[in-house]
PDB file of all heavy atoms in Angstrom:
ATOM      1  N   LEU A   1     107.090 -68.722 102.323  1.00  0.00           N
ATOM      2  CA  LEU A   1     106.883 -70.154 102.542  1.00  0.00           C
ATOM      3  C   LEU A   1     105.788 -70.670 101.620  1.00  0.00           C
ATOM      4  O   LEU A   1     105.936 -71.722 100.990  1.00  0.00           O
ATOM      5  CB  LEU A   1     106.509 -70.416 104.003  1.00  0.00           C
ATOM      6  CG  LEU A   1     106.173 -71.872 104.335  1.00  0.00           C
ATOM      7  CD1 LEU A   1     107.419 -72.745 104.295  1.00  0.00           C
ATOM      8  CD2 LEU A   1     105.493 -71.976 105.707  1.00  0.00           C
ATOM      9  N   PHE A   2     104.688 -69.935 101.522  1.00  0.00           N
ATOM     10  CA  PHE A   2     103.568 -70.358 100.687  1.00  0.00           C
ATOM     11  C   PHE A   2     103.956 -70.379  99.208  1.00  0.00           C
ATOM     12  O   PHE A   2     103.658 -71.328  98.483  1.00  0.00           O
ATOM     13  CB  PHE A   2     102.379 -69.424 100.910  1.00  0.00           C
ATOM     14  CG  PHE A   2     101.157 -69.796 100.125  1.00  0.00           C
ATOM     15  CD1 PHE A   2     100.433 -70.939 100.429  1.00  0.00           C
ATOM     16  CD2 PHE A   2     100.734 -69.013  99.065  1.00  0.00           C
ATOM     17  CE1 PHE A   2      99.312 -71.292  99.693  1.00  0.00           C
ATOM     18  CE2 PHE A   2      99.623 -69.358  98.320  1.00  0.00           C
ATOM     19  CZ  PHE A   2      98.901 -70.507  98.640  1.00  0.00           C
ATOM     20  N   GLU A   3     104.639 -69.327  98.756  1.00  0.00           N
ATOM     21  CA  GLU A   3     105.016 -69.245  97.340  1.00  0.00           C
ATOM     22  C   GLU A   3     106.004 -70.344  96.952  1.00  0.00           C
ATOM     23  O   GLU A   3     105.870 -70.979  95.906  1.00  0.00           O
ATOM     24  CB  GLU A   3     105.621 -67.878  97.041  1.00  0.00           C
ATOM     25  CG  GLU A   3     104.632 -66.731  97.085  1.00  0.00           C
ATOM     26  CD  GLU A   3     105.287 -65.379  96.881  1.00  0.00           C
ATOM     27  OE1 GLU A   3     106.538 -65.314  96.819  1.00  0.00           O
ATOM     28  OE2 GLU A   3     104.558 -64.378  96.791  1.00  0.00           O
ATOM     29  N   GLU A   4     107.006 -70.562  97.792  1.00  0.00           N
ATOM     30  CA  GLU A   4     108.106 -71.460  97.424  1.00  0.00           C
ATOM     31  C   GLU A   4     107.851 -72.927  97.724  1.00  0.00           C
ATOM     32  O   GLU A   4     108.524 -73.802  97.161  1.00  0.00           O
ATOM     33  CB  GLU A   4     109.394 -70.995  98.102  1.00  0.00           C
ATOM     34  CG  GLU A   4     109.857 -69.633  97.627  1.00  0.00           C
ATOM     35  CD  GLU A   4     111.178 -69.185  98.211  1.00  0.00           C
ATOM     36  OE1 GLU A   4     111.703 -69.886  99.119  1.00  0.00           O
ATOM     37  OE2 GLU A   4     111.700 -68.150  97.784  1.00  0.00           O
ATOM     38  N   THR A   5     106.887 -73.215  98.607  1.00  0.00           N
ATOM     39  CA  THR A   5     106.617 -74.607  98.963  1.00  0.00           C
ATOM     40  C   THR A   5     105.166 -75.015  98.767  1.00  0.00           C
ATOM     41  O   THR A   5     104.868 -76.213  98.735  1.00  0.00           O
ATOM     42  CB  THR A   5     106.991 -74.897 100.430  1.00  0.00           C
ATOM     43  OG1 THR A   5     106.050 -74.247 101.295  1.00  0.00           O
ATOM     44  CG2 THR A   5     108.401 -74.401 100.740  1.00  0.00           C
ATOM     45  N   GLY A   6     104.258 -74.039  98.703  1.00  0.00           N
ATOM     46  CA  GLY A   6     102.829 -74.350  98.639  1.00  0.00           C
ATOM     47  C   GLY A   6     102.228 -74.640 100.000  1.00  0.00           C
ATOM     48  O   GLY A   6     101.034 -74.957 100.101  1.00  0.00           O
ATOM     49  N   LEU A   7     103.021 -74.535 101.072  1.00  0.00           N
ATOM     50  CA  LEU A   7     102.535 -74.804 102.423  1.00  0.00           C
ATOM     51  C   LEU A   7     102.067 -73.508 103.085  1.00  0.00           C
ATOM     52  O   LEU A   7     102.759 -72.481 103.002  1.00  0.00           O
ATOM     53  CB  LEU A   7     103.626 -75.453 103.270  1.00  0.00           C
ATOM     54  CG  LEU A   7     104.221 -76.762 102.732  1.00  0.00           C
ATOM     55  CD1 LEU A   7     105.240 -77.319 103.716  1.00  0.00           C
ATOM     56  CD2 LEU A   7     103.130 -77.790 102.453  1.00  0.00           C
ATOM     57  N   ALA A   8     100.911 -73.583 103.736  1.00  0.00           N
ATOM     58  CA  ALA A   8     100.336 -72.394 104.365  1.00  0.00           C
ATOM     59  C   ALA A   8     100.266 -72.561 105.873  1.00  0.00           C
ATOM     60  O   ALA A   8      99.704 -73.544 106.370  1.00  0.00           O
ATOM     61  CB  ALA A   8      98.941 -72.132 103.803  1.00  0.00           C
ATOM     62  N   LEU A   9     100.838 -71.608 106.587  1.00  0.00           N
ATOM     63  CA  LEU A   9     100.662 -71.536 108.033  1.00  0.00           C
ATOM     64  C   LEU A   9      99.476 -70.612 108.271  1.00  0.00           C
ATOM     65  O   LEU A   9      99.610 -69.384 108.250  1.00  0.00           O
ATOM     66  CB  LEU A   9     101.917 -71.000 108.717  1.00  0.00           C
ATOM     67  CG  LEU A   9     103.160 -71.903 108.692  1.00  0.00           C
ATOM     68  CD1 LEU A   9     104.325 -71.222 109.386  1.00  0.00           C
ATOM     69  CD2 LEU A   9     102.877 -73.242 109.353  1.00  0.00           C
ATOM     70  N   GLY A  10      98.298 -71.204 108.455  1.00  0.00           N
ATOM     71  CA  GLY A  10      97.104 -70.387 108.564  1.00  0.00           C
ATOM     72  C   GLY A  10      95.958 -71.127 109.211  1.00  0.00           C
ATOM     73  O   GLY A  10      96.032 -72.334 109.474  1.00  0.00           O
ATOM     74  N   VAL A  11      94.901 -70.376 109.460  1.00  0.00           N
ATOM     75  CA  VAL A  11      93.671 -70.926 110.034  1.00  0.00           C
ATOM     76  C   VAL A  11      92.508 -70.503 109.149  1.00  0.00           C
ATOM     77  O   VAL A  11      92.578 -69.468 108.465  1.00  0.00           O
ATOM     78  CB  VAL A  11      93.447 -70.424 111.473  1.00  0.00           C
ATOM     79  CG1 VAL A  11      94.503 -70.969 112.417  1.00  0.00           C
ATOM     80  CG2 VAL A  11      93.424 -68.896 111.530  1.00  0.00           C
ATOM     81  N   PRO A  12      91.427 -71.281 109.132  1.00  0.00           N
ATOM     82  CA  PRO A  12      90.268 -70.897 108.322  1.00  0.00           C
ATOM     83  C   PRO A  12      89.719 -69.540 108.756  1.00  0.00           C
ATOM     84  O   PRO A  12      89.643 -69.229 109.942  1.00  0.00           O
ATOM     85  CB  PRO A  12      89.255 -72.016 108.604  1.00  0.00           C
ATOM     86  CG  PRO A  12      90.087 -73.185 109.043  1.00  0.00           C
ATOM     87  CD  PRO A  12      91.237 -72.588 109.795  1.00  0.00           C
ATOM     88  N   GLY A  13      89.374 -68.741 107.769  1.00  0.00           N
ATOM     89  CA  GLY A  13      88.824 -67.427 108.086  1.00  0.00           C
ATOM     90  C   GLY A  13      88.662 -66.564 106.851  1.00  0.00           C
ATOM     91  O   GLY A  13      89.276 -66.821 105.811  1.00  0.00           O
ATOM     92  N   THR A  14      87.820 -65.556 106.978  1.00  0.00           N
ATOM     93  CA  THR A  14      87.571 -64.614 105.894  1.00  0.00           C
ATOM     94  C   THR A  14      88.417 -63.369 106.101  1.00  0.00           C
ATOM     95  O   THR A  14      88.458 -62.819 107.215  1.00  0.00           O
ATOM     96  CB  THR A  14      86.087 -64.220 105.849  1.00  0.00           C
ATOM     97  OG1 THR A  14      85.300 -65.408 105.689  1.00  0.00           O
ATOM     98  CG2 THR A  14      85.816 -63.266 104.688  1.00  0.00           C
ATOM     99  N   TRP A  15      89.066 -62.925 105.054  1.00  0.00           N
ATOM    100  CA  TRP A  15      89.897 -61.730 105.157  1.00  0.00           C
ATOM    101  C   TRP A  15      89.016 -60.491 105.359  1.00  0.00           C
ATOM    102  O   TRP A  15      88.014 -60.318 104.655  1.00  0.00           O
ATOM    103  CB  TRP A  15      90.739 -61.572 103.894  1.00  0.00           C
ATOM    104  CG  TRP A  15      91.893 -62.527 103.820  1.00  0.00           C
ATOM    105  CD1 TRP A  15      91.846 -63.881 103.882  1.00  0.00           C
ATOM    106  CD2 TRP A  15      93.275 -62.184 103.688  1.00  0.00           C
ATOM    107  NE1 TRP A  15      93.104 -64.418 103.793  1.00  0.00           N
ATOM    108  CE2 TRP A  15      94.010 -63.408 103.669  1.00  0.00           C
ATOM    109  CE3 TRP A  15      93.965 -60.976 103.573  1.00  0.00           C
ATOM    110  CZ2 TRP A  15      95.392 -63.444 103.548  1.00  0.00           C
ATOM    111  CZ3 TRP A  15      95.352 -61.018 103.449  1.00  0.00           C
ATOM    112  CH2 TRP A  15      96.057 -62.232 103.450  1.00  0.00           C
ATOM    113  N   PRO A  16      89.380 -59.614 106.307  1.00  0.00           N
ATOM    114  CA  PRO A  16      88.582 -58.404 106.538  1.00  0.00           C
ATOM    115  C   PRO A  16      88.787 -57.344 105.460  1.00  0.00           C
ATOM    116  O   PRO A  16      88.024 -56.386 105.374  1.00  0.00           O
ATOM    117  CB  PRO A  16      89.076 -57.913 107.897  1.00  0.00           C
ATOM    118  CG  PRO A  16      90.491 -58.420 107.984  1.00  0.00           C
ATOM    119  CD  PRO A  16      90.488 -59.740 107.269  1.00  0.00           C
ATOM    120  N   VAL A  17      89.832 -57.512 104.643  1.00  0.00           N
ATOM    121  CA  VAL A  17      90.133 -56.591 103.541  1.00  0.00           C
ATOM    122  C   VAL A  17      90.487 -57.435 102.322  1.00  0.00           C
ATOM    123  O   VAL A  17      90.718 -58.644 102.433  1.00  0.00           O
ATOM    124  CB  VAL A  17      91.308 -55.650 103.884  1.00  0.00           C
ATOM    125  CG1 VAL A  17      90.962 -54.753 105.062  1.00  0.00           C
ATOM    126  CG2 VAL A  17      92.573 -56.454 104.179  1.00  0.00           C
ATOM    127  N   ALA A  18      90.527 -56.801 101.160  1.00  0.00           N
ATOM    128  CA  ALA A  18      90.953 -57.520  99.961  1.00  0.00           C
ATOM    129  C   ALA A  18      92.410 -57.929 100.117  1.00  0.00           C
ATOM    130  O   ALA A  18      93.245 -57.122 100.557  1.00  0.00           O
ATOM    131  CB  ALA A  18      90.781 -56.635  98.737  1.00  0.00           C
ATOM    132  N   PRO A  19      92.756 -59.173  99.787  1.00  0.00           N
ATOM    133  CA  PRO A  19      94.149 -59.614  99.923  1.00  0.00           C
ATOM    134  C   PRO A  19      95.080 -58.742  99.091  1.00  0.00           C
ATOM    135  O   PRO A  19      94.815 -58.497  97.915  1.00  0.00           O
ATOM    136  CB  PRO A  19      94.122 -61.047  99.388  1.00  0.00           C
ATOM    137  CG  PRO A  19      92.700 -61.475  99.474  1.00  0.00           C
ATOM    138  CD  PRO A  19      91.889 -60.235  99.259  1.00  0.00           C
ATOM    139  N   PRO A  20      96.179 -58.263  99.675  1.00  0.00           N
ATOM    140  CA  PRO A  20      97.132 -57.459  98.906  1.00  0.00           C
ATOM    141  C   PRO A  20      97.883 -58.324  97.901  1.00  0.00           C
ATOM    142  O   PRO A  20      97.759 -59.557  97.892  1.00  0.00           O
ATOM    143  CB  PRO A  20      98.075 -56.896  99.970  1.00  0.00           C
ATOM    144  CG  PRO A  20      97.963 -57.835 101.120  1.00  0.00           C
ATOM    145  CD  PRO A  20      96.571 -58.367 101.089  1.00  0.00           C
ATOM    146  N   GLU A  21      98.675 -57.681  97.068  1.00  0.00           N
ATOM    147  CA  GLU A  21      99.422 -58.379  96.027  1.00  0.00           C
ATOM    148  C   GLU A  21     100.273 -59.502  96.620  1.00  0.00           C
ATOM    149  O   GLU A  21     100.955 -59.309  97.623  1.00  0.00           O
ATOM    150  CB  GLU A  21     100.320 -57.394  95.283  1.00  0.00           C
ATOM    151  CG  GLU A  21     101.080 -57.994  94.111  1.00  0.00           C
ATOM    152  CD  GLU A  21     101.936 -56.970  93.386  1.00  0.00           C
ATOM    153  OE1 GLU A  21     101.890 -55.783  93.753  1.00  0.00           O
ATOM    154  OE2 GLU A  21     102.658 -57.372  92.459  1.00  0.00           O
ATOM    155  N   GLY A  22     100.205 -60.672  95.995  1.00  0.00           N
ATOM    156  CA  GLY A  22     100.977 -61.808  96.452  1.00  0.00           C
ATOM    157  C   GLY A  22     100.254 -62.709  97.429  1.00  0.00           C
ATOM    158  O   GLY A  22     100.769 -63.776  97.790  1.00  0.00           O
ATOM    159  N   TRP A  23      99.057 -62.318  97.846  1.00  0.00           N
ATOM    160  CA  TRP A  23      98.329 -63.071  98.865  1.00  0.00           C
ATOM    161  C   TRP A  23      97.019 -63.673  98.371  1.00  0.00           C
ATOM    162  O   TRP A  23      96.292 -64.303  99.144  1.00  0.00           O
ATOM    163  CB  TRP A  23      98.066 -62.181 100.072  1.00  0.00           C
ATOM    164  CG  TRP A  23      99.293 -61.944 100.879  1.00  0.00           C
ATOM    165  CD1 TRP A  23     100.215 -60.939 100.709  1.00  0.00           C
ATOM    166  CD2 TRP A  23      99.765 -62.732 101.973  1.00  0.00           C
ATOM    167  NE1 TRP A  23     101.217 -61.064 101.633  1.00  0.00           N
ATOM    168  CE2 TRP A  23     100.968 -62.149 102.421  1.00  0.00           C
ATOM    169  CE3 TRP A  23      99.279 -63.869 102.617  1.00  0.00           C
ATOM    170  CZ2 TRP A  23     101.700 -62.672 103.486  1.00  0.00           C
ATOM    171  CZ3 TRP A  23      99.996 -64.389 103.679  1.00  0.00           C
ATOM    172  CH2 TRP A  23     101.196 -63.798 104.099  1.00  0.00           C
ATOM    173  N   ALA A  24      96.696 -63.499  97.110  1.00  0.00           N
ATOM    174  CA  ALA A  24      95.417 -63.995  96.587  1.00  0.00           C
ATOM    175  C   ALA A  24      95.301 -65.508  96.719  1.00  0.00           C
ATOM    176  O   ALA A  24      94.243 -66.040  97.087  1.00  0.00           O
ATOM    177  CB  ALA A  24      95.249 -63.567  95.133  1.00  0.00           C
ATOM    178  N   GLY A  25      96.375 -66.232  96.410  1.00  0.00           N
ATOM    179  CA  GLY A  25      96.343 -67.683  96.484  1.00  0.00           C
ATOM    180  C   GLY A  25      96.135 -68.182  97.903  1.00  0.00           C
ATOM    181  O   GLY A  25      95.416 -69.171  98.133  1.00  0.00           O
ATOM    182  N   PHE A  26      96.758 -67.523  98.855  1.00  0.00           N
ATOM    183  CA  PHE A  26      96.603 -67.878 100.265  1.00  0.00           C
ATOM    184  C   PHE A  26      95.146 -67.702 100.684  1.00  0.00           C
ATOM    185  O   PHE A  26      94.530 -68.599 101.271  1.00  0.00           O
ATOM    186  CB  PHE A  26      97.517 -66.988 101.109  1.00  0.00           C
ATOM    187  CG  PHE A  26      97.829 -67.522 102.479  1.00  0.00           C
ATOM    188  CD1 PHE A  26      99.083 -68.026 102.766  1.00  0.00           C
ATOM    189  CD2 PHE A  26      96.880 -67.499 103.484  1.00  0.00           C
ATOM    190  CE1 PHE A  26      99.395 -68.505 104.041  1.00  0.00           C
ATOM    191  CE2 PHE A  26      97.167 -67.975 104.755  1.00  0.00           C
ATOM    192  CZ  PHE A  26      98.422 -68.485 105.039  1.00  0.00           C
ATOM    193  N   ALA A  27      94.583 -66.528 100.341  1.00  0.00           N
ATOM    194  CA  ALA A  27      93.196 -66.236 100.713  1.00  0.00           C
ATOM    195  C   ALA A  27      92.211 -67.145 100.001  1.00  0.00           C
ATOM    196  O   ALA A  27      91.157 -67.501 100.546  1.00  0.00           O
ATOM    197  CB  ALA A  27      92.878 -64.774 100.415  1.00  0.00           C
ATOM    198  N   ALA A  28      92.551 -67.552  98.771  1.00  0.00           N
ATOM    199  CA  ALA A  28      91.664 -68.421  97.995  1.00  0.00           C
ATOM    200  C   ALA A  28      91.470 -69.787  98.656  1.00  0.00           C
ATOM    201  O   ALA A  28      90.477 -70.471  98.379  1.00  0.00           O
ATOM    202  CB  ALA A  28      92.216 -68.606  96.584  1.00  0.00           C
ATOM    203  N   ARG A  29      92.367 -70.173  99.505  1.00  0.00           N
ATOM    204  CA  ARG A  29      92.222 -71.435 100.241  1.00  0.00           C
ATOM    205  C   ARG A  29      91.311 -71.273 101.454  1.00  0.00           C
ATOM    206  O   ARG A  29      91.083 -72.218 102.203  1.00  0.00           O
ATOM    207  CB  ARG A  29      93.578 -71.952 100.698  1.00  0.00           C
ATOM    208  CG  ARG A  29      94.484 -72.429  99.592  1.00  0.00           C
ATOM    209  CD  ARG A  29      95.622 -73.250 100.167  1.00  0.00           C
ATOM    210  NE  ARG A  29      96.620 -73.600  99.169  1.00  0.00           N
ATOM    211  CZ  ARG A  29      97.708 -74.306  99.421  1.00  0.00           C
ATOM    212  NH1 ARG A  29      97.934 -74.755 100.653  1.00  0.00           N
ATOM    213  NH2 ARG A  29      98.566 -74.599  98.458  1.00  0.00           N
ATOM    214  N   GLY A  30      90.794 -70.062 101.657  1.00  0.00           N
ATOM    215  CA  GLY A  30      89.953 -69.811 102.818  1.00  0.00           C
ATOM    216  C   GLY A  30      90.731 -69.723 104.103  1.00  0.00           C
ATOM    217  O   GLY A  30      90.219 -70.019 105.187  1.00  0.00           O
TER     218      GLY A  30
END
């Protein structure tokens, strides 16, 4: 959903681990 539309289903928060491949952009939004 995030890749194809730019829409994120998420809540503010810090990742407890480094974002895996494909998730950097999601995590970069906090």
